[in-house]
């Protein structure tokens, strides 16, 4: 499996307009350790969801996932909870960008978002722009990931990408 093809199980389906307060409640913004943000993922809206997520699972949502504030903690909570990718009909622009910057794959596919069910085994081709339901072989179109975004994901996010790019130049550690 290439780094741009991901396989996972749909852990949950979420609706439209899932905002950053639902993803990561504002009362926990004082937590600075990104890995600890996962402990509060969907704490108020879907508290049972964290226990269902296994490493590499996918979350599927409707339109406008990640709307609301620009808080990066919402993306960090999803990533550090072990989610392998998010598939949605659409994402709030800042959430989409935060996800790429943190190394969390995001897939825009209205078709897949409308069709996939909890428990489906799925393969996502980030570069080719497709989502395949493995049980049936059904293929859904997805927006292909921009090569620059794919490069950031492959590096693990923006910070690891820049550290590698500028290694040995005396800029940061």
N, C-alpha and C. Protein backbone atom coordinates (compact mmCIF):
# COMPACT_ATOMS: atom_id res chain seq x y z
N UNK A 1 0.85 -1.17 0.00
CA UNK A 1 0.00 0.00 0.00
C UNK A 1 0.90 1.24 0.00
N UNK A 2 0.72 2.12 -0.96
CA UNK A 2 1.54 3.33 -1.01
C UNK A 2 1.10 4.30 0.07
N UNK A 3 1.93 5.28 0.34
CA UNK A 3 1.60 6.26 1.36
C UNK A 3 0.41 7.13 0.95
N UNK A 4 0.03 7.07 -0.33
CA UNK A 4 -1.10 7.86 -0.80
C UNK A 4 -2.35 7.02 -1.00
N UNK A 5 -2.25 5.73 -0.68
CA UNK A 5 -3.43 4.87 -0.66
C UNK A 5 -3.58 4.37 0.77
N UNK A 6 -4.73 4.61 1.33
CA UNK A 6 -4.99 4.27 2.73
C UNK A 6 -6.14 3.30 2.82
N UNK A 7 -6.06 2.38 3.76
CA UNK A 7 -7.17 1.46 4.03
C UNK A 7 -7.60 1.63 5.46
N UNK A 8 -8.89 1.55 5.67
CA UNK A 8 -9.41 1.66 7.01
C UNK A 8 -10.87 1.29 7.08
N UNK A 9 -11.36 1.27 8.29
CA UNK A 9 -12.76 0.94 8.57
C UNK A 9 -13.47 2.23 8.96
N UNK A 10 -14.69 2.39 8.49
CA UNK A 10 -15.48 3.55 8.89
C UNK A 10 -15.94 3.33 10.33
N UNK A 11 -15.40 4.12 11.24
CA UNK A 11 -15.73 4.00 12.66
C UNK A 11 -17.06 4.68 12.97
N UNK A 12 -17.36 5.76 12.23
CA UNK A 12 -18.59 6.50 12.51
C UNK A 12 -18.96 7.38 11.33
N UNK A 13 -20.25 7.62 11.24
CA UNK A 13 -20.79 8.60 10.30
C UNK A 13 -21.29 9.78 11.12
N UNK A 14 -20.92 10.96 10.70
CA UNK A 14 -21.35 12.18 11.37
C UNK A 14 -22.12 13.02 10.37
N UNK A 15 -22.88 13.97 10.85
CA UNK A 15 -23.73 14.77 9.98
C UNK A 15 -23.05 15.98 9.38
N UNK A 16 -23.86 16.94 9.00
CA UNK A 16 -23.41 18.20 8.42
C UNK A 16 -23.04 19.18 9.53
N UNK A 17 -22.21 20.15 9.18
CA UNK A 17 -21.88 21.29 10.05
C UNK A 17 -21.35 20.86 11.42
N UNK A 18 -20.49 19.86 11.43
CA UNK A 18 -19.83 19.46 12.68
C UNK A 18 -18.74 20.50 12.94
N UNK A 19 -18.99 21.34 13.94
CA UNK A 19 -18.06 22.45 14.16
C UNK A 19 -16.94 22.09 15.13
N UNK A 20 -15.98 22.98 15.23
CA UNK A 20 -14.80 22.70 16.04
C UNK A 20 -15.14 22.60 17.53
N UNK A 21 -16.22 23.23 17.97
CA UNK A 21 -16.64 23.08 19.38
C UNK A 21 -17.16 21.67 19.64
N UNK A 22 -17.81 21.06 18.66
CA UNK A 22 -18.26 19.68 18.81
C UNK A 22 -17.07 18.71 18.75
N UNK A 23 -16.12 19.02 17.88
CA UNK A 23 -14.95 18.16 17.73
C UNK A 23 -14.07 18.23 18.98
N UNK A 24 -13.78 19.46 19.40
CA UNK A 24 -12.89 19.68 20.55
C UNK A 24 -13.42 20.87 21.34
N UNK A 25 -14.11 20.61 22.45
CA UNK A 25 -14.74 21.69 23.21
C UNK A 25 -13.75 22.75 23.69
N UNK A 26 -14.19 23.99 23.61
CA UNK A 26 -13.35 25.13 23.96
C UNK A 26 -12.83 25.12 25.38
N UNK A 27 -13.51 24.46 26.29
CA UNK A 27 -13.04 24.46 27.68
C UNK A 27 -11.71 23.75 27.85
N UNK A 28 -11.26 23.02 26.83
CA UNK A 28 -10.00 22.28 26.92
C UNK A 28 -8.87 22.95 26.14
N UNK A 29 -9.07 24.18 25.70
CA UNK A 29 -8.05 24.86 24.90
C UNK A 29 -6.75 25.12 25.66
N UNK A 30 -6.79 25.03 26.98
CA UNK A 30 -5.57 25.25 27.76
C UNK A 30 -4.62 24.05 27.72
N UNK A 31 -5.04 22.93 27.16
CA UNK A 31 -4.17 21.76 27.04
C UNK A 31 -3.22 22.02 25.88
N UNK A 32 -1.93 22.01 26.16
CA UNK A 32 -0.95 22.33 25.12
C UNK A 32 -0.29 21.11 24.51
N UNK A 33 -0.41 19.96 25.14
CA UNK A 33 0.15 18.72 24.61
C UNK A 33 -0.83 18.17 23.57
N UNK A 34 -0.46 18.24 22.29
CA UNK A 34 -1.37 17.83 21.22
C UNK A 34 -1.88 16.41 21.38
N UNK A 35 -1.02 15.51 21.84
CA UNK A 35 -1.44 14.12 21.98
C UNK A 35 -2.54 13.96 23.02
N UNK A 36 -2.57 14.84 24.02
CA UNK A 36 -3.60 14.76 25.05
C UNK A 36 -4.94 15.32 24.59
N UNK A 37 -4.93 16.05 23.48
CA UNK A 37 -6.20 16.58 22.97
C UNK A 37 -7.15 15.45 22.60
N UNK A 38 -6.62 14.31 22.21
CA UNK A 38 -7.45 13.16 21.82
C UNK A 38 -8.36 12.70 22.95
N UNK A 39 -7.96 12.93 24.17
CA UNK A 39 -8.76 12.51 25.33
C UNK A 39 -10.11 13.22 25.39
N UNK A 40 -10.23 14.33 24.67
CA UNK A 40 -11.46 15.14 24.72
C UNK A 40 -12.16 15.23 23.36
N UNK A 41 -11.75 14.41 22.41
CA UNK A 41 -12.39 14.40 21.09
C UNK A 41 -13.88 14.09 21.23
N UNK A 42 -14.71 14.93 20.69
CA UNK A 42 -16.17 14.76 20.70
C UNK A 42 -16.74 14.54 22.10
N UNK A 43 -16.05 15.03 23.12
CA UNK A 43 -16.45 14.76 24.50
C UNK A 43 -17.89 15.16 24.82
N UNK A 44 -18.33 16.28 24.31
CA UNK A 44 -19.69 16.73 24.62
C UNK A 44 -20.72 16.20 23.62
N UNK A 45 -20.35 16.08 22.37
CA UNK A 45 -21.32 15.71 21.33
C UNK A 45 -21.48 14.20 21.15
N UNK A 46 -20.37 13.47 21.12
CA UNK A 46 -20.39 12.03 20.86
C UNK A 46 -19.39 11.34 21.78
N UNK A 47 -19.62 11.36 23.09
CA UNK A 47 -18.61 10.84 24.02
C UNK A 47 -18.28 9.36 23.82
N UNK A 48 -19.19 8.59 23.27
CA UNK A 48 -18.95 7.16 23.05
C UNK A 48 -18.05 6.90 21.84
N UNK A 49 -17.87 7.88 21.01
CA UNK A 49 -17.11 7.69 19.76
C UNK A 49 -15.64 7.37 19.99
N UNK A 50 -14.99 8.04 20.94
CA UNK A 50 -13.56 7.82 21.17
C UNK A 50 -13.26 6.35 21.43
N UNK A 51 -14.11 5.68 22.16
CA UNK A 51 -13.87 4.28 22.50
C UNK A 51 -14.01 3.36 21.29
N UNK A 52 -14.73 3.81 20.26
CA UNK A 52 -14.94 2.98 19.06
C UNK A 52 -13.82 3.14 18.04
N UNK A 53 -13.04 4.18 18.14
CA UNK A 53 -12.01 4.44 17.14
C UNK A 53 -10.79 3.56 17.39
N UNK A 54 -10.44 2.77 16.38
CA UNK A 54 -9.21 1.98 16.41
C UNK A 54 -8.20 2.69 15.51
N UNK A 55 -6.91 2.50 15.77
CA UNK A 55 -5.89 3.17 14.94
C UNK A 55 -6.12 2.89 13.45
N UNK A 56 -6.14 3.97 12.68
CA UNK A 56 -6.31 3.86 11.23
C UNK A 56 -7.74 3.94 10.76
N UNK A 57 -8.71 3.97 11.67
CA UNK A 57 -10.11 4.08 11.28
C UNK A 57 -10.38 5.41 10.59
N UNK A 58 -11.45 5.42 9.80
CA UNK A 58 -11.89 6.63 9.11
C UNK A 58 -13.16 7.16 9.77
N UNK A 59 -13.32 8.48 9.72
CA UNK A 59 -14.58 9.12 10.07
C UNK A 59 -15.18 9.68 8.80
N UNK A 60 -16.49 9.55 8.65
CA UNK A 60 -17.21 10.06 7.49
C UNK A 60 -18.19 11.11 7.97
N UNK A 61 -18.25 12.22 7.24
CA UNK A 61 -19.15 13.31 7.63
C UNK A 61 -19.80 13.92 6.40
N UNK A 62 -20.78 14.76 6.67
CA UNK A 62 -21.49 15.46 5.60
C UNK A 62 -20.77 16.72 5.17
N UNK A 63 -21.54 17.77 5.00
CA UNK A 63 -21.02 19.05 4.50
C UNK A 63 -20.44 19.88 5.63
N UNK A 64 -19.41 20.65 5.29
CA UNK A 64 -18.88 21.70 6.16
C UNK A 64 -18.27 21.17 7.45
N UNK A 65 -17.59 20.04 7.39
CA UNK A 65 -16.95 19.49 8.58
C UNK A 65 -15.84 20.42 9.03
N UNK A 66 -15.78 20.71 10.33
CA UNK A 66 -14.73 21.55 10.89
C UNK A 66 -15.02 23.03 10.83
N UNK A 67 -16.28 23.40 10.61
CA UNK A 67 -16.61 24.82 10.59
C UNK A 67 -16.47 25.39 12.00
N UNK A 68 -16.56 26.69 12.12
CA UNK A 68 -16.45 27.32 13.43
C UNK A 68 -15.14 28.05 13.56
N UNK A 69 -14.44 27.83 14.64
CA UNK A 69 -13.20 28.55 14.89
C UNK A 69 -12.05 27.92 14.11
N UNK A 70 -10.94 28.59 14.13
CA UNK A 70 -9.75 28.09 13.43
C UNK A 70 -8.86 27.25 14.33
N UNK A 71 -9.37 26.85 15.49
CA UNK A 71 -8.53 26.15 16.47
C UNK A 71 -7.92 24.87 15.88
N UNK A 72 -6.63 24.82 15.94
CA UNK A 72 -5.87 23.67 15.46
C UNK A 72 -6.07 22.44 16.36
N UNK A 73 -6.47 22.67 17.59
CA UNK A 73 -6.67 21.56 18.53
C UNK A 73 -7.72 20.58 18.03
N UNK A 74 -8.71 21.04 17.28
CA UNK A 74 -9.74 20.14 16.76
C UNK A 74 -9.12 19.12 15.82
N UNK A 75 -8.26 19.58 14.93
CA UNK A 75 -7.57 18.66 14.02
C UNK A 75 -6.63 17.75 14.80
N UNK A 76 -5.90 18.31 15.75
CA UNK A 76 -4.97 17.50 16.55
C UNK A 76 -5.71 16.40 17.30
N UNK A 77 -6.86 16.72 17.87
CA UNK A 77 -7.63 15.72 18.61
C UNK A 77 -8.03 14.55 17.71
N UNK A 78 -8.44 14.85 16.48
CA UNK A 78 -8.81 13.79 15.53
C UNK A 78 -7.59 12.95 15.19
N UNK A 79 -6.49 13.61 14.86
CA UNK A 79 -5.28 12.89 14.46
C UNK A 79 -4.77 12.00 15.60
N UNK A 80 -4.64 12.55 16.78
CA UNK A 80 -4.04 11.81 17.89
C UNK A 80 -5.00 10.79 18.51
N UNK A 81 -6.25 10.82 18.10
CA UNK A 81 -7.18 9.75 18.49
C UNK A 81 -6.95 8.51 17.63
N UNK A 82 -6.10 8.65 16.61
CA UNK A 82 -5.76 7.51 15.76
C UNK A 82 -6.53 7.45 14.46
N UNK A 83 -7.32 8.46 14.15
CA UNK A 83 -8.08 8.47 12.90
C UNK A 83 -7.11 8.50 11.72
N UNK A 84 -7.31 7.57 10.78
CA UNK A 84 -6.43 7.47 9.61
C UNK A 84 -6.75 8.46 8.52
N UNK A 85 -8.02 8.86 8.41
CA UNK A 85 -8.44 9.84 7.42
C UNK A 85 -9.86 10.29 7.73
N UNK A 86 -10.18 11.47 7.26
CA UNK A 86 -11.53 12.00 7.31
C UNK A 86 -12.07 12.04 5.89
N UNK A 87 -13.28 11.57 5.70
CA UNK A 87 -13.96 11.64 4.41
C UNK A 87 -15.22 12.46 4.63
N UNK A 88 -15.41 13.51 3.85
CA UNK A 88 -16.60 14.35 4.03
C UNK A 88 -17.06 14.89 2.69
N UNK A 89 -18.31 15.33 2.66
CA UNK A 89 -18.84 15.98 1.46
C UNK A 89 -18.11 17.29 1.22
N UNK A 90 -17.77 17.99 2.30
CA UNK A 90 -16.95 19.21 2.20
C UNK A 90 -16.41 19.54 3.58
N UNK A 91 -15.34 20.33 3.59
CA UNK A 91 -14.69 20.76 4.81
C UNK A 91 -14.66 22.28 4.87
N UNK A 92 -14.69 22.81 6.09
CA UNK A 92 -14.39 24.22 6.25
C UNK A 92 -12.94 24.41 5.82
N UNK A 93 -12.67 25.47 5.11
CA UNK A 93 -11.35 25.67 4.49
C UNK A 93 -10.21 25.64 5.51
N UNK A 94 -10.37 26.34 6.62
CA UNK A 94 -9.28 26.40 7.60
C UNK A 94 -9.06 25.03 8.25
N UNK A 95 -10.13 24.26 8.48
CA UNK A 95 -9.97 22.92 9.04
C UNK A 95 -9.24 22.03 8.04
N UNK A 96 -9.58 22.13 6.77
CA UNK A 96 -8.91 21.34 5.74
C UNK A 96 -7.41 21.64 5.75
N UNK A 97 -7.08 22.91 5.78
CA UNK A 97 -5.66 23.30 5.75
C UNK A 97 -4.95 22.88 7.04
N UNK A 98 -5.58 23.05 8.18
CA UNK A 98 -4.98 22.60 9.43
C UNK A 98 -4.71 21.10 9.39
N UNK A 99 -5.61 20.35 8.80
CA UNK A 99 -5.44 18.90 8.71
C UNK A 99 -4.21 18.55 7.89
N UNK A 100 -4.07 19.15 6.74
CA UNK A 100 -2.89 18.89 5.89
C UNK A 100 -1.63 19.30 6.65
N UNK A 101 -1.66 20.46 7.29
CA UNK A 101 -0.48 20.94 8.02
C UNK A 101 -0.08 20.02 9.16
N UNK A 102 -1.05 19.32 9.76
CA UNK A 102 -0.75 18.40 10.85
C UNK A 102 -0.55 16.96 10.38
N UNK A 103 -0.69 16.74 9.08
CA UNK A 103 -0.47 15.40 8.54
C UNK A 103 -1.66 14.47 8.65
N UNK A 104 -2.87 15.02 8.72
CA UNK A 104 -4.09 14.22 8.79
C UNK A 104 -4.75 14.21 7.41
N UNK A 105 -4.84 13.05 6.75
CA UNK A 105 -5.47 13.01 5.42
C UNK A 105 -6.96 13.36 5.47
N UNK A 106 -7.36 14.24 4.56
CA UNK A 106 -8.75 14.65 4.41
C UNK A 106 -9.17 14.42 2.96
N UNK A 107 -10.35 13.86 2.78
CA UNK A 107 -10.83 13.47 1.47
C UNK A 107 -12.19 14.11 1.23
N UNK A 108 -12.29 14.87 0.15
CA UNK A 108 -13.56 15.49 -0.22
C UNK A 108 -14.25 14.58 -1.23
N UNK A 109 -15.37 13.99 -0.81
CA UNK A 109 -16.13 13.11 -1.69
C UNK A 109 -17.59 13.10 -1.27
N UNK A 110 -18.41 13.97 -1.88
CA UNK A 110 -19.82 13.95 -1.54
C UNK A 110 -20.46 12.58 -1.78
N UNK A 111 -20.03 11.89 -2.84
CA UNK A 111 -20.59 10.56 -3.13
C UNK A 111 -20.30 9.57 -2.01
N UNK A 112 -19.04 9.48 -1.60
CA UNK A 112 -18.66 8.54 -0.54
C UNK A 112 -19.31 8.93 0.78
N UNK A 113 -19.34 10.23 1.06
CA UNK A 113 -19.93 10.70 2.32
C UNK A 113 -21.40 10.32 2.42
N UNK A 114 -22.07 10.29 1.29
CA UNK A 114 -23.49 9.93 1.29
C UNK A 114 -23.75 8.44 1.30
N UNK A 115 -22.77 7.65 0.89
CA UNK A 115 -23.01 6.22 0.69
C UNK A 115 -22.38 5.31 1.75
N UNK A 116 -21.24 5.68 2.28
CA UNK A 116 -20.53 4.79 3.20
C UNK A 116 -21.29 4.61 4.51
N UNK A 117 -21.16 3.42 5.08
CA UNK A 117 -21.83 3.10 6.33
C UNK A 117 -20.80 2.73 7.38
N UNK A 118 -21.18 2.91 8.62
CA UNK A 118 -20.33 2.49 9.72
C UNK A 118 -19.98 1.01 9.56
N UNK A 119 -18.69 0.70 9.72
CA UNK A 119 -18.22 -0.67 9.58
C UNK A 119 -17.70 -1.02 8.20
N UNK A 120 -17.98 -0.17 7.19
CA UNK A 120 -17.46 -0.43 5.85
C UNK A 120 -15.93 -0.41 5.86
N UNK A 121 -15.34 -1.34 5.13
CA UNK A 121 -13.89 -1.33 4.89
C UNK A 121 -13.67 -0.54 3.61
N UNK A 122 -12.73 0.41 3.66
CA UNK A 122 -12.58 1.39 2.59
C UNK A 122 -11.12 1.55 2.21
N UNK A 123 -10.88 1.80 0.92
CA UNK A 123 -9.56 2.21 0.46
C UNK A 123 -9.70 3.57 -0.19
N UNK A 124 -8.80 4.48 0.20
CA UNK A 124 -8.80 5.84 -0.33
C UNK A 124 -7.53 6.02 -1.15
N UNK A 125 -7.68 6.53 -2.36
CA UNK A 125 -6.54 6.90 -3.20
C UNK A 125 -6.48 8.42 -3.20
N UNK A 126 -5.58 8.98 -2.42
CA UNK A 126 -5.50 10.43 -2.25
C UNK A 126 -5.10 11.14 -3.54
N UNK A 127 -4.19 10.57 -4.30
CA UNK A 127 -3.70 11.20 -5.53
C UNK A 127 -4.65 10.92 -6.70
N UNK A 128 -5.13 9.69 -6.79
CA UNK A 128 -6.03 9.30 -7.88
C UNK A 128 -7.44 9.85 -7.72
N UNK A 129 -7.81 10.22 -6.50
CA UNK A 129 -9.12 10.80 -6.28
C UNK A 129 -10.25 9.79 -6.28
N UNK A 130 -10.12 8.76 -5.43
CA UNK A 130 -11.20 7.79 -5.35
C UNK A 130 -11.31 7.21 -3.94
N UNK A 131 -12.51 6.72 -3.65
CA UNK A 131 -12.80 6.01 -2.41
C UNK A 131 -13.49 4.72 -2.84
N UNK A 132 -12.97 3.58 -2.40
CA UNK A 132 -13.53 2.29 -2.78
C UNK A 132 -14.06 1.57 -1.56
N UNK A 133 -15.32 1.14 -1.64
CA UNK A 133 -15.89 0.28 -0.60
C UNK A 133 -15.42 -1.13 -0.94
N UNK A 134 -14.55 -1.70 -0.12
CA UNK A 134 -13.87 -2.95 -0.45
C UNK A 134 -14.82 -4.14 -0.53
N UNK A 135 -15.86 -4.17 0.27
CA UNK A 135 -16.78 -5.30 0.26
C UNK A 135 -17.48 -5.47 -1.08
N UNK A 136 -17.81 -4.34 -1.72
CA UNK A 136 -18.58 -4.39 -2.97
C UNK A 136 -17.78 -3.99 -4.20
N UNK A 137 -16.62 -3.35 -3.99
CA UNK A 137 -15.84 -2.83 -5.12
C UNK A 137 -16.38 -1.53 -5.67
N UNK A 138 -17.42 -0.99 -5.05
CA UNK A 138 -18.01 0.27 -5.50
C UNK A 138 -17.00 1.40 -5.32
N UNK A 139 -16.82 2.20 -6.38
CA UNK A 139 -15.85 3.29 -6.37
C UNK A 139 -16.58 4.63 -6.42
N UNK A 140 -16.18 5.52 -5.53
CA UNK A 140 -16.76 6.86 -5.47
C UNK A 140 -15.68 7.87 -5.86
N UNK A 141 -16.07 8.86 -6.63
CA UNK A 141 -15.13 9.93 -7.00
C UNK A 141 -14.79 10.77 -5.77
N UNK A 142 -13.56 11.24 -5.74
CA UNK A 142 -13.11 12.15 -4.69
C UNK A 142 -12.21 13.20 -5.33
N UNK A 143 -12.06 14.31 -4.67
CA UNK A 143 -11.15 15.34 -5.19
C UNK A 143 -9.72 14.86 -5.00
N UNK A 144 -8.94 14.79 -6.09
CA UNK A 144 -7.53 14.39 -5.94
C UNK A 144 -6.80 15.42 -5.09
N UNK A 145 -5.90 14.94 -4.28
CA UNK A 145 -5.13 15.83 -3.42
C UNK A 145 -4.07 16.54 -4.25
N UNK A 146 -3.93 17.82 -4.03
CA UNK A 146 -2.90 18.61 -4.68
C UNK A 146 -1.53 18.00 -4.36
N UNK A 147 -0.63 17.92 -5.34
CA UNK A 147 0.69 17.31 -5.09
C UNK A 147 1.46 17.97 -3.94
N UNK A 148 1.30 19.27 -3.76
CA UNK A 148 1.98 19.94 -2.65
C UNK A 148 1.41 19.50 -1.31
N UNK A 149 0.10 19.32 -1.24
CA UNK A 149 -0.53 18.83 -0.02
C UNK A 149 -0.11 17.39 0.24
N UNK A 150 -0.02 16.60 -0.82
CA UNK A 150 0.42 15.20 -0.68
C UNK A 150 1.85 15.14 -0.14
N UNK A 151 2.68 16.06 -0.59
CA UNK A 151 4.06 16.12 -0.11
C UNK A 151 4.11 16.41 1.39
N UNK A 152 3.25 17.30 1.86
CA UNK A 152 3.19 17.61 3.29
C UNK A 152 2.70 16.40 4.08
N UNK A 153 1.67 15.72 3.57
CA UNK A 153 1.16 14.52 4.24
C UNK A 153 2.24 13.45 4.33
N UNK A 154 2.97 13.26 3.23
CA UNK A 154 4.02 12.24 3.20
C UNK A 154 5.10 12.52 4.23
N UNK A 155 5.34 13.80 4.50
CA UNK A 155 6.36 14.19 5.47
C UNK A 155 5.84 14.12 6.91
N UNK A 156 4.53 13.96 7.08
CA UNK A 156 3.95 13.94 8.42
C UNK A 156 3.38 15.28 8.84
N UNK A 157 3.35 16.24 7.92
CA UNK A 157 2.80 17.56 8.20
C UNK A 157 3.79 18.65 7.87
N UNK A 158 3.37 19.88 8.06
CA UNK A 158 4.18 21.04 7.68
C UNK A 158 5.48 21.15 8.47
N UNK A 159 5.41 21.00 9.79
CA UNK A 159 6.62 21.16 10.60
C UNK A 159 7.67 20.10 10.25
N UNK A 160 7.32 18.80 10.19
CA UNK A 160 8.34 17.82 9.78
C UNK A 160 8.87 18.08 8.36
N UNK A 161 8.00 18.55 7.46
CA UNK A 161 8.42 18.88 6.10
C UNK A 161 9.48 19.98 6.11
N UNK A 162 9.21 21.05 6.88
CA UNK A 162 10.16 22.16 6.93
C UNK A 162 11.45 21.78 7.64
N UNK A 163 11.34 20.97 8.70
CA UNK A 163 12.56 20.53 9.38
C UNK A 163 13.46 19.75 8.43
N UNK A 164 12.87 18.88 7.63
CA UNK A 164 13.65 18.10 6.67
C UNK A 164 14.23 19.00 5.59
N UNK A 165 13.41 19.90 5.10
CA UNK A 165 13.83 20.80 4.01
C UNK A 165 15.01 21.68 4.43
N UNK A 166 14.97 22.17 5.67
CA UNK A 166 16.00 23.10 6.12
C UNK A 166 17.02 22.48 7.06
N UNK A 167 17.05 21.17 7.14
CA UNK A 167 18.02 20.48 7.99
C UNK A 167 19.44 20.86 7.58
N UNK A 168 20.26 21.11 8.57
CA UNK A 168 21.65 21.43 8.30
C UNK A 168 21.89 22.88 7.95
N UNK A 169 20.86 23.70 7.90
CA UNK A 169 21.04 25.12 7.55
C UNK A 169 21.07 26.02 8.78
N UNK A 170 21.00 25.39 9.98
CA UNK A 170 21.06 26.16 11.19
C UNK A 170 19.76 26.85 11.56
N UNK A 171 18.62 26.40 10.95
CA UNK A 171 17.32 26.98 11.25
C UNK A 171 16.52 26.00 12.08
N UNK A 172 16.53 26.18 13.36
CA UNK A 172 15.72 25.33 14.22
C UNK A 172 16.31 23.95 14.39
N UNK A 173 15.66 23.18 15.25
CA UNK A 173 16.15 21.82 15.50
C UNK A 173 15.14 20.80 15.09
